[in-house]
Every structure is written in structure tokens, then in C-alpha cells.
Protein backbone atom coordinates (compact mmCIF):
# COMPACT_ATOMS: atom_id res chain seq x y z
CA MET A 1 21.79 105.62 -46.66
CA LYS A 2 19.49 108.60 -46.40
CA ARG A 3 15.98 108.20 -47.65
CA ASN A 4 16.54 108.03 -51.36
CA LYS A 5 13.42 108.55 -53.47
CA ASP A 6 14.52 106.08 -56.13
CA LEU A 7 15.29 103.37 -53.60
CA GLN A 8 11.97 103.96 -51.86
CA PHE A 9 10.19 103.75 -55.22
CA CYS A 10 11.83 100.38 -55.95
CA ILE A 11 10.82 99.04 -52.55
CA GLU A 12 7.22 100.18 -53.05
CA GLN A 13 7.08 98.59 -56.50
CA LEU A 14 8.35 95.27 -55.16
CA CYS A 15 5.77 95.42 -52.36
CA SER A 16 2.97 96.03 -54.86
CA LEU A 17 4.19 93.14 -57.02
CA LEU A 18 4.29 90.92 -53.97
CA ASN A 19 0.66 91.75 -53.13
CA ARG A 20 -0.59 90.77 -56.58
CA SER A 21 -2.35 87.49 -57.08
CA GLY A 22 -1.22 84.97 -59.64
CA LEU A 23 2.38 84.74 -58.51
CA GLY A 24 3.90 81.36 -57.93
CA PRO A 25 5.60 80.45 -54.67
CA GLU A 26 9.05 80.70 -56.27
CA GLN A 27 8.28 84.18 -57.62
CA LYS A 28 7.05 85.33 -54.21
CA ARG A 29 10.19 84.00 -52.56
CA VAL A 30 12.39 85.85 -55.04
CA LEU A 31 10.45 89.09 -54.56
CA GLU A 32 10.76 88.80 -50.79
CA THR A 33 14.50 88.17 -51.12
CA ALA A 34 14.91 91.21 -53.38
CA LEU A 35 12.91 93.31 -50.94
CA VAL A 36 15.12 92.24 -48.04
CA GLU A 37 18.23 93.10 -50.06
CA LEU A 38 16.97 96.61 -50.84
CA LYS A 39 15.93 97.21 -47.24
CA ARG A 40 19.37 96.09 -46.09
CA LEU A 41 20.92 98.60 -48.48
CA ARG A 42 18.65 101.35 -47.17
CA ARG A 43 19.67 100.64 -43.58
CA ASN A 44 23.36 101.03 -44.44
CA ALA A 45 24.30 104.60 -43.46
CA ASN A 46 27.14 105.08 -45.95
CA PRO A 47 27.21 102.33 -48.55
CA THR A 48 30.14 102.21 -50.92
CA LYS A 49 29.60 102.14 -54.67
CA GLN A 50 30.57 98.49 -54.65
CA GLN A 51 27.88 97.68 -52.06
CA VAL A 52 25.25 99.51 -54.09
CA TYR A 53 26.27 97.80 -57.34
CA LEU A 54 26.30 94.40 -55.66
CA ALA A 55 22.81 94.92 -54.20
CA VAL A 56 21.44 96.04 -57.57
CA ARG A 57 23.08 93.08 -59.27
CA ARG A 58 21.59 90.59 -56.80
CA VAL A 59 18.10 92.06 -57.12
CA ALA A 60 18.20 92.26 -60.91
CA ASP A 61 19.60 88.75 -61.27
CA ALA A 62 16.96 87.25 -58.98
CA LEU A 63 14.10 89.03 -60.72
CA LEU A 64 15.30 88.13 -64.20
CA LYS A 65 15.70 84.46 -63.32
CA SER A 66 12.30 84.33 -61.67
CA PHE A 67 10.20 86.10 -64.26
CA THR A 68 11.84 84.81 -67.45
CA ASN A 69 11.20 81.13 -66.68
């Protein structure tokens, strides 16, 4: 996938959240997992819509579970 500004923005926001203090170990693990998922999507040269939707779903689900508990 070419360098998409929105995807890059999401990655930067997750990195800044990860660098904040006050996060629990479970929250840090979830943020790292979400970051890996987005970077994997960025490395894919021509992702299908299904791959993009699946990546977004995984990231959103992980973040919602982590930060709503």
C-alpha cells in the first residue's frame, strides 16, 4: 500500500499513546498488537478491501476491549 496519510496518522497516534505513562501492561500489549497490524497492512502493496476491513476490525476490536474495561 502506498504511503497513505490516514494510515500514517493512525500509526503515529498509536505510537504516541504507547509512549504515554499510566498505561497498564495489558493496554500496552494491545497497542503494540494494533501497531503491528497497521504496519503489516502498510507493507502490503495491493491490499484488497477485505484485507483492509479485517485489519481495521482487528485494531478497533482490540482497542475497544482494552480501553473500556
